[in-house]
Amino acid sequence: MLVVVQNDPEVPLAAYEGELRDEGEVFRIVRPFAGEPLPAVAGAGAAIVLGGAMGVHDTARHPYLAEVKEFIGGCVRREIPFLGICLGGQLLADVLGAPVLSGQRGEMGCLPVTLTASGEADPLFAGLGGVFTTFQWHDDTFDIPAGGVLLASSPACPHQAFRVGPRAYGTQFHPEVDLATVEAWAGSPGVSRAEADEIRAGFARNLERYRLSSRLILANFLAIVRGKR
């Protein structure tokens, strides 16, 4: 079973929930912020860990993050296919001993990401070409863990995606959002009206390209899960 860890009530699985159902994938969403316990790692066939407004070091305010980190570490050790998105990618980096820097290299909105040569050859990004459109919403960023492979970059944030081992991935960008998610985040405190308008307009302009790249990333990840890549 694919285990999806939702760390924040405002950061749902969004578009990927419907796409997983369309793919016929059996999955379970676990919400540790609401007190739901994570399953044993041994029972997970694959895992996706979503983002959140908190940081990887905020375990005092969000104690469940310690359990999420243990779960991620178990996935890596067992080589369970793993995809960490934004905070999920930062947690993966942190678990593996790489620094996660707060308040640095932040980005918001639809922006291009460029694959490295390793990224173009990686099964997670097969078929995307050298540059693709995705959605950004982060203040923090990760360094690449020792032994990790940098897969994607952007001018504002050089570390956009990495792989550790054969099947553990972290991304800084969000491939899972939908219009409702973007609308909700654009209305967040601290986002000016002008910024919110540009975020909404940018997502609308790039929606089809964003959907194509996001669906391909999920399809590629499921192919890895199913042993087809």
C-alpha atoms as a PDB file:
ATOM      1  CA  MET A   1       0.000   0.000   0.000  1.00  0.00           C
ATOM      2  CA  LEU A   2       1.108   3.545  -0.749  1.00  0.00           C
ATOM      3  CA  VAL A   3       1.191   5.594   2.471  1.00  0.00           C
ATOM      4  CA  VAL A   4       0.641   9.351   2.103  1.00  0.00           C
ATOM      5  CA  VAL A   5       1.690  11.444   5.102  1.00  0.00           C
ATOM      6  CA  GLN A   6      -0.117  14.784   5.358  1.00  0.00           C
ATOM      7  CA  ASN A   7       1.782  17.040   7.770  1.00  0.00           C
ATOM      8  CA  ASP A   8      -0.441  20.119   7.663  1.00  0.00           C
ATOM      9  CA  PRO A   9      -4.228  20.501   7.291  1.00  0.00           C
ATOM     10  CA  GLU A  10      -3.622  23.266   4.729  1.00  0.00           C
ATOM     11  CA  VAL A  11      -1.337  21.137   2.545  1.00  0.00           C
ATOM     12  CA  PRO A  12      -3.435  18.274   1.164  1.00  0.00           C
ATOM     13  CA  LEU A  13      -2.702  15.647  -1.456  1.00  0.00           C
ATOM     14  CA  ALA A  14      -4.867  17.805  -3.734  1.00  0.00           C
ATOM     15  CA  ALA A  15      -4.750  16.868  -7.445  1.00  0.00           C
ATOM     16  CA  TYR A  16      -2.729  13.739  -6.754  1.00  0.00           C
ATOM     17  CA  GLU A  17      -5.553  12.215  -4.712  1.00  0.00           C
ATOM     18  CA  GLY A  18      -7.859  12.027  -7.723  1.00  0.00           C
ATOM     19  CA  GLU A  19      -5.036  10.945 -10.008  1.00  0.00           C
ATOM     20  CA  LEU A  20      -4.064   8.086  -7.692  1.00  0.00           C
ATOM     21  CA  ARG A  21      -7.676   6.919  -7.706  1.00  0.00           C
ATOM     22  CA  ASP A  22      -7.771   7.157 -11.502  1.00  0.00           C
ATOM     23  CA  GLU A  23      -4.612   5.019 -11.627  1.00  0.00           C
ATOM     24  CA  GLY A  24      -6.263   2.394  -9.442  1.00  0.00           C
ATOM     25  CA  GLU A  25      -3.564   2.794  -6.816  1.00  0.00           C
ATOM     26  CA  VAL A  26      -4.371   1.573  -3.312  1.00  0.00           C
ATOM     27  CA  PHE A  27      -3.322   4.289  -0.877  1.00  0.00           C
ATOM     28  CA  ARG A  28      -3.966   5.584   2.610  1.00  0.00           C
ATOM     29  CA  ILE A  29      -3.651   9.184   3.790  1.00  0.00           C
ATOM     30  CA  VAL A  30      -2.319   9.456   7.347  1.00  0.00           C
ATOM     31  CA  ARG A  31      -2.668  12.765   9.223  1.00  0.00           C
ATOM     32  CA  PRO A  32      -0.262  12.747  12.176  1.00  0.00           C
ATOM     33  CA  PHE A  33      -1.094  16.396  12.960  1.00  0.00           C
ATOM     34  CA  ALA A  34      -4.548  15.102  13.920  1.00  0.00           C
ATOM     35  CA  GLY A  35      -3.123  12.345  16.104  1.00  0.00           C
ATOM     36  CA  GLU A  36      -3.304   9.536  13.545  1.00  0.00           C
ATOM     37  CA  PRO A  37      -0.423   7.074  14.067  1.00  0.00           C
ATOM     38  CA  LEU A  38       1.875   6.246  11.200  1.00  0.00           C
ATOM     39  CA  PRO A  39       1.844   2.615  10.080  1.00  0.00           C
ATOM     40  CA  ALA A  40       4.821   0.322  10.476  1.00  0.00           C
ATOM     41  CA  VAL A  41       7.351   0.943   7.729  1.00  0.00           C
ATOM     42  CA  ALA A  42       7.367  -2.768   6.930  1.00  0.00           C
ATOM     43  CA  GLY A  43       3.732  -2.493   5.831  1.00  0.00           C
ATOM     44  CA  ALA A  44       4.337   0.331   3.361  1.00  0.00           C
ATOM     45  CA  GLY A  45       4.894  -0.505  -0.282  1.00  0.00           C
ATOM     46  CA  ALA A  46       5.714   3.124  -1.036  1.00  0.00           C
ATOM     47  CA  ALA A  47       5.398   6.519   0.628  1.00  0.00           C
ATOM     48  CA  ILE A  48       4.710  10.151  -0.215  1.00  0.00           C
ATOM     49  CA  VAL A  49       5.354  12.767   2.476  1.00  0.00           C
ATOM     50  CA  LEU A  50       3.693  16.111   1.817  1.00  0.00           C
ATOM     51  CA  GLY A  51       4.626  19.680   2.710  1.00  0.00           C
ATOM     52  CA  GLY A  52       3.678  21.990   5.538  1.00  0.00           C
ATOM     53  CA  ALA A  53       4.094  25.494   6.896  1.00  0.00           C
ATOM     54  CA  MET A  54       6.366  24.268   9.687  1.00  0.00           C
ATOM     55  CA  GLY A  55      10.089  23.623   9.398  1.00  0.00           C
ATOM     56  CA  VAL A  56      12.031  20.433   9.942  1.00  0.00           C
ATOM     57  CA  HIS A  57      13.350  21.717  13.293  1.00  0.00           C
ATOM     58  CA  ASP A  58       9.901  22.616  14.688  1.00  0.00           C
ATOM     59  CA  THR A  59       9.516  19.391  16.665  1.00  0.00           C
ATOM     60  CA  ALA A  60       8.776  21.263  19.907  1.00  0.00           C
ATOM     61  CA  ARG A  61       5.644  22.819  18.395  1.00  0.00           C
ATOM     62  CA  HIS A  62       4.883  19.806  16.190  1.00  0.00           C
ATOM     63  CA  PRO A  63       6.087  16.711  18.088  1.00  0.00           C
ATOM     64  CA  TYR A  64       4.710  14.317  15.457  1.00  0.00           C
ATOM     65  CA  LEU A  65       7.517  15.408  13.125  1.00  0.00           C
ATOM     66  CA  ALA A  66       9.867  13.179  15.115  1.00  0.00           C
ATOM     67  CA  GLU A  67       7.685  10.171  14.234  1.00  0.00           C
ATOM     68  CA  VAL A  68       7.563  11.269  10.595  1.00  0.00           C
ATOM     69  CA  LYS A  69      11.359  11.444  10.530  1.00  0.00           C
ATOM     70  CA  GLU A  70      11.613   7.918  11.956  1.00  0.00           C
ATOM     71  CA  PHE A  71       9.190   6.710   9.277  1.00  0.00           C
ATOM     72  CA  ILE A  72      11.250   8.368   6.531  1.00  0.00           C
ATOM     73  CA  GLY A  73      14.462   6.866   7.863  1.00  0.00           C
ATOM     74  CA  GLY A  74      12.870   3.431   7.809  1.00  0.00           C
ATOM     75  CA  CYS A  75      11.745   3.901   4.199  1.00  0.00           C
ATOM     76  CA  VAL A  76      15.288   4.830   3.151  1.00  0.00           C
ATOM     77  CA  ARG A  77      16.862   1.907   4.980  1.00  0.00           C
ATOM     78  CA  ARG A  78      14.426  -0.554   3.406  1.00  0.00           C
ATOM     79  CA  GLU A  79      14.732   1.102  -0.042  1.00  0.00           C
ATOM     80  CA  ILE A  80      10.967   1.631  -0.149  1.00  0.00           C
ATOM     81  CA  PRO A  81      10.004   3.977  -3.008  1.00  0.00           C
ATOM     82  CA  PHE A  82       9.706   7.394  -1.395  1.00  0.00           C
ATOM     83  CA  LEU A  83       8.715  10.859  -2.604  1.00  0.00           C
ATOM     84  CA  GLY A  84       9.104  13.813  -0.236  1.00  0.00           C
ATOM     85  CA  ILE A  85       7.478  17.033  -1.441  1.00  0.00           C
ATOM     86  CA  CYS A  86       8.695  20.424  -0.142  1.00  0.00           C
ATOM     87  CA  LEU A  87       8.748  19.878   3.653  1.00  0.00           C
ATOM     88  CA  GLY A  88       8.781  16.162   2.853  1.00  0.00           C
ATOM     89  CA  GLY A  89      11.954  16.641   0.827  1.00  0.00           C
ATOM     90  CA  GLN A  90      13.462  18.806   3.553  1.00  0.00           C
ATOM     91  CA  LEU A  91      12.665  16.121   6.139  1.00  0.00           C
ATOM     92  CA  LEU A  92      14.371  13.520   3.938  1.00  0.00           C
ATOM     93  CA  ALA A  93      17.472  15.702   3.712  1.00  0.00           C
ATOM     94  CA  ASP A  94      17.430  16.318   7.468  1.00  0.00           C
ATOM     95  CA  VAL A  95      17.080  12.617   8.269  1.00  0.00           C
ATOM     96  CA  LEU A  96      20.124  11.962   6.090  1.00  0.00           C
ATOM     97  CA  GLY A  97      22.220  14.587   7.847  1.00  0.00           C
ATOM     98  CA  ALA A  98      22.066  17.416   5.300  1.00  0.00           C
ATOM     99  CA  PRO A  99      21.466  21.000   6.477  1.00  0.00           C
ATOM    100  CA  VAL A 100      18.025  22.523   5.942  1.00  0.00           C
ATOM    101  CA  LEU A 101      18.282  26.310   5.848  1.00  0.00           C
ATOM    102  CA  SER A 102      15.401  28.424   7.163  1.00  0.00           C
ATOM    103  CA  GLY A 103      14.198  31.547   5.380  1.00  0.00           C
ATOM    104  CA  GLN A 104      16.545  31.196   2.437  1.00  0.00           C
ATOM    105  CA  ARG A 105      15.962  30.927  -1.330  1.00  0.00           C
ATOM    106  CA  GLY A 106      12.186  31.210  -1.008  1.00  0.00           C
ATOM    107  CA  GLU A 107       9.933  31.077  -4.078  1.00  0.00           C
ATOM    108  CA  MET A 108       6.214  31.465  -4.779  1.00  0.00           C
ATOM    109  CA  GLY A 109       4.184  30.723  -7.877  1.00  0.00           C
ATOM    110  CA  CYS A 110       4.612  28.895 -11.179  1.00  0.00           C
ATOM    111  CA  LEU A 111       8.275  28.837 -12.161  1.00  0.00           C
ATOM    112  CA  PRO A 112      10.510  26.789 -14.453  1.00  0.00           C
ATOM    113  CA  VAL A 113      12.791  24.080 -13.105  1.00  0.00           C
ATOM    114  CA  THR A 114      15.763  22.735 -15.039  1.00  0.00           C
ATOM    115  CA  LEU A 115      16.892  19.130 -14.851  1.00  0.00           C
ATOM    116  CA  THR A 116      20.551  18.299 -14.437  1.00  0.00           C
ATOM    117  CA  ALA A 117      22.096  15.670 -16.703  1.00  0.00           C
ATOM    118  CA  SER A 118      21.441  13.155 -13.908  1.00  0.00           C
ATOM    119  CA  GLY A 119      17.852  14.370 -13.664  1.00  0.00           C
ATOM    120  CA  GLU A 120      17.234  13.903 -17.379  1.00  0.00           C
ATOM    121  CA  ALA A 121      18.464  10.314 -17.037  1.00  0.00           C
ATOM    122  CA  ASP A 122      16.474   9.591 -13.875  1.00  0.00           C
ATOM    123  CA  PRO A 123      13.263   7.531 -14.122  1.00  0.00           C
ATOM    124  CA  LEU A 124      11.302  10.000 -11.954  1.00  0.00           C
ATOM    125  CA  PHE A 125      11.676  12.700 -14.611  1.00  0.00           C
ATOM    126  CA  ALA A 126      11.550  10.559 -17.742  1.00  0.00           C
ATOM    127  CA  GLY A 127       9.859  12.365 -20.606  1.00  0.00           C
ATOM    128  CA  LEU A 128       9.927  15.853 -19.077  1.00  0.00           C
ATOM    129  CA  GLY A 129      12.739  17.244 -21.222  1.00  0.00           C
ATOM    130  CA  GLY A 130      15.318  19.654 -19.877  1.00  0.00           C
ATOM    131  CA  VAL A 131      12.980  22.307 -18.425  1.00  0.00           C
ATOM    132  CA  PHE A 132       9.475  21.956 -17.032  1.00  0.00           C
ATOM    133  CA  THR A 133       6.900  24.128 -15.263  1.00  0.00           C
ATOM    134  CA  THR A 134       6.010  23.524 -11.646  1.00  0.00           C
ATOM    135  CA  PHE A 135       4.673  25.335  -8.580  1.00  0.00           C
ATOM    136  CA  GLN A 136       6.763  26.762  -5.762  1.00  0.00           C
ATOM    137  CA  TRP A 137       5.775  27.715  -2.226  1.00  0.00           C
ATOM    138  CA  HIS A 138       8.648  27.608   0.227  1.00  0.00           C
ATOM    139  CA  ASP A 139      10.897  29.729   2.425  1.00  0.00           C
ATOM    140  CA  ASP A 140      13.362  27.006   3.457  1.00  0.00           C
ATOM    141  CA  THR A 141      15.629  24.859   1.338  1.00  0.00           C
ATOM    142  CA  PHE A 142      17.759  21.737   1.690  1.00  0.00           C
ATOM    143  CA  ASP A 143      21.342  20.844   0.930  1.00  0.00           C
ATOM    144  CA  ILE A 144      21.958  17.592  -0.932  1.00  0.00           C
ATOM    145  CA  PRO A 145      22.744  14.733   1.483  1.00  0.00           C
ATOM    146  CA  ALA A 146      26.052  12.904   1.278  1.00  0.00           C
ATOM    147  CA  GLY A 147      25.775  10.339  -1.493  1.00  0.00           C
ATOM    148  CA  GLY A 148      22.716  12.077  -2.935  1.00  0.00           C
ATOM    149  CA  VAL A 149      22.348  13.071  -6.576  1.00  0.00           C
ATOM    150  CA  LEU A 150      21.163  16.545  -7.576  1.00  0.00           C
ATOM    151  CA  LEU A 151      18.414  16.134 -10.162  1.00  0.00           C
ATOM    152  CA  ALA A 152      16.928  19.598 -10.700  1.00  0.00           C
ATOM    153  CA  SER A 153      17.683  23.252 -10.102  1.00  0.00           C
ATOM    154  CA  SER A 154      16.329  26.764 -10.567  1.00  0.00           C
ATOM    155  CA  PRO A 155      18.018  30.192 -10.570  1.00  0.00           C
ATOM    156  CA  ALA A 156      16.554  31.193  -7.193  1.00  0.00           C
ATOM    157  CA  CYS A 157      16.923  27.796  -5.540  1.00  0.00           C
ATOM    158  CA  PRO A 158      19.724  25.576  -6.845  1.00  0.00           C
ATOM    159  CA  HIS A 159      18.550  22.450  -5.026  1.00  0.00           C
ATOM    160  CA  GLN A 160      15.122  21.574  -6.440  1.00  0.00           C
ATOM    161  CA  ALA A 161      15.242  17.771  -6.415  1.00  0.00           C
ATOM    162  CA  PHE A 162      17.547  14.957  -5.393  1.00  0.00           C
ATOM    163  CA  ARG A 163      17.689  11.193  -5.135  1.00  0.00           C
ATOM    164  CA  VAL A 164      19.323   9.095  -2.442  1.00  0.00           C
ATOM    165  CA  GLY A 165      19.833   5.410  -3.108  1.00  0.00           C
ATOM    166  CA  PRO A 166      17.770   3.783  -5.839  1.00  0.00           C
ATOM    167  CA  ARG A 167      14.265   5.030  -4.948  1.00  0.00           C
ATOM    168  CA  ALA A 168      14.180   7.861  -2.369  1.00  0.00           C
ATOM    169  CA  TYR A 169      13.398  11.306  -3.812  1.00  0.00           C
ATOM    170  CA  GLY A 170      13.024  14.796  -2.392  1.00  0.00           C
ATOM    171  CA  THR A 171      11.630  17.782  -4.269  1.00  0.00           C
ATOM    172  CA  GLN A 172      11.486  21.425  -3.228  1.00  0.00           C
ATOM    173  CA  PHE A 173       8.683  22.196  -5.670  1.00  0.00           C
ATOM    174  CA  HIS A 174       5.037  21.115  -5.430  1.00  0.00           C
ATOM    175  CA  PRO A 175       3.789  18.843  -8.240  1.00  0.00           C
ATOM    176  CA  GLU A 176       0.550  17.986  -6.392  1.00  0.00           C
ATOM    177  CA  VAL A 177      -1.351  21.276  -6.062  1.00  0.00           C
ATOM    178  CA  ASP A 178      -4.635  22.150  -7.738  1.00  0.00           C
ATOM    179  CA  LEU A 179      -6.542  25.388  -8.247  1.00  0.00           C
ATOM    180  CA  ALA A 180      -8.218  25.201  -4.833  1.00  0.00           C
ATOM    181  CA  THR A 181      -4.870  24.743  -3.080  1.00  0.00           C
ATOM    182  CA  VAL A 182      -3.288  27.661  -4.923  1.00  0.00           C
ATOM    183  CA  GLU A 183      -6.300  29.856  -4.156  1.00  0.00           C
ATOM    184  CA  ALA A 184      -6.077  29.007  -0.452  1.00  0.00           C
ATOM    185  CA  TRP A 185      -2.331  29.606  -0.224  1.00  0.00           C
ATOM    186  CA  ALA A 186      -2.560  32.880  -2.149  1.00  0.00           C
ATOM    187  CA  GLY A 187      -4.900  34.121   0.576  1.00  0.00           C
ATOM    188  CA  SER A 188      -2.401  33.341   3.333  1.00  0.00           C
ATOM    189  CA  PRO A 189      -1.404  36.047   5.836  1.00  0.00           C
ATOM    190  CA  GLY A 190       1.707  37.854   4.704  1.00  0.00           C
ATOM    191  CA  VAL A 191       0.896  37.547   0.992  1.00  0.00           C
ATOM    192  CA  SER A 192       0.073  40.946  -0.472  1.00  0.00           C
ATOM    193  CA  ARG A 193      -2.892  41.442  -2.762  1.00  0.00           C
ATOM    194  CA  ALA A 194      -0.553  42.116  -5.699  1.00  0.00           C
ATOM    195  CA  GLU A 195       1.428  38.944  -4.974  1.00  0.00           C
ATOM    196  CA  ALA A 196      -1.758  36.913  -4.623  1.00  0.00           C
ATOM    197  CA  ASP A 197      -3.129  38.226  -7.914  1.00  0.00           C
ATOM    198  CA  GLU A 198       0.107  37.351  -9.722  1.00  0.00           C
ATOM    199  CA  ILE A 199       0.225  33.864  -8.171  1.00  0.00           C
ATOM    200  CA  ARG A 200      -3.351  33.151  -9.290  1.00  0.00           C
ATOM    201  CA  ALA A 201      -2.790  34.593 -12.762  1.00  0.00           C
ATOM    202  CA  GLY A 202       0.486  32.742 -13.189  1.00  0.00           C
ATOM    203  CA  PHE A 203      -1.084  29.438 -12.221  1.00  0.00           C
ATOM    204  CA  ALA A 204      -3.946  30.010 -14.666  1.00  0.00           C
ATOM    205  CA  ARG A 205      -1.493  30.848 -17.481  1.00  0.00           C
ATOM    206  CA  ASN A 206       0.611  27.767 -16.839  1.00  0.00           C
ATOM    207  CA  LEU A 207      -2.114  25.346 -15.786  1.00  0.00           C
ATOM    208  CA  GLU A 208      -1.953  22.962 -18.732  1.00  0.00           C
ATOM    209  CA  ARG A 209       1.843  22.772 -18.775  1.00  0.00           C
ATOM    210  CA  TYR A 210       1.876  22.345 -15.010  1.00  0.00           C
ATOM    211  CA  ARG A 211      -0.672  19.525 -15.161  1.00  0.00           C
ATOM    212  CA  LEU A 212       1.270  17.712 -17.858  1.00  0.00           C
ATOM    213  CA  SER A 213       4.539  17.757 -15.935  1.00  0.00           C
ATOM    214  CA  SER A 214       2.890  16.921 -12.603  1.00  0.00           C
ATOM    215  CA  ARG A 215       0.950  13.970 -13.990  1.00  0.00           C
ATOM    216  CA  LEU A 216       4.070  12.634 -15.663  1.00  0.00           C
ATOM    217  CA  ILE A 217       6.050  12.846 -12.420  1.00  0.00           C
ATOM    218  CA  LEU A 218       3.332  10.905 -10.576  1.00  0.00           C
ATOM    219  CA  ALA A 219       3.063   8.329 -13.366  1.00  0.00           C
ATOM    220  CA  ASN A 220       6.834   7.886 -13.298  1.00  0.00           C
ATOM    221  CA  PHE A 221       6.835   7.483  -9.520  1.00  0.00           C
ATOM    222  CA  LEU A 222       4.105   4.837  -9.733  1.00  0.00           C
ATOM    223  CA  ALA A 223       6.137   3.028 -12.405  1.00  0.00           C
ATOM    224  CA  ILE A 224       9.047   2.972  -9.951  1.00  0.00           C
ATOM    225  CA  VAL A 225       6.720   1.697  -7.222  1.00  0.00           C
ATOM    226  CA  ARG A 226       5.467  -1.062  -9.496  1.00  0.00           C
ATOM    227  CA  GLY A 227       8.967  -2.059 -10.519  1.00  0.00           C
ATOM    228  CA  LYS A 228       8.574  -0.956 -14.119  1.00  0.00           C
ATOM    229  CA  ARG A 229      11.452   1.544 -13.969  1.00  0.00           C
END
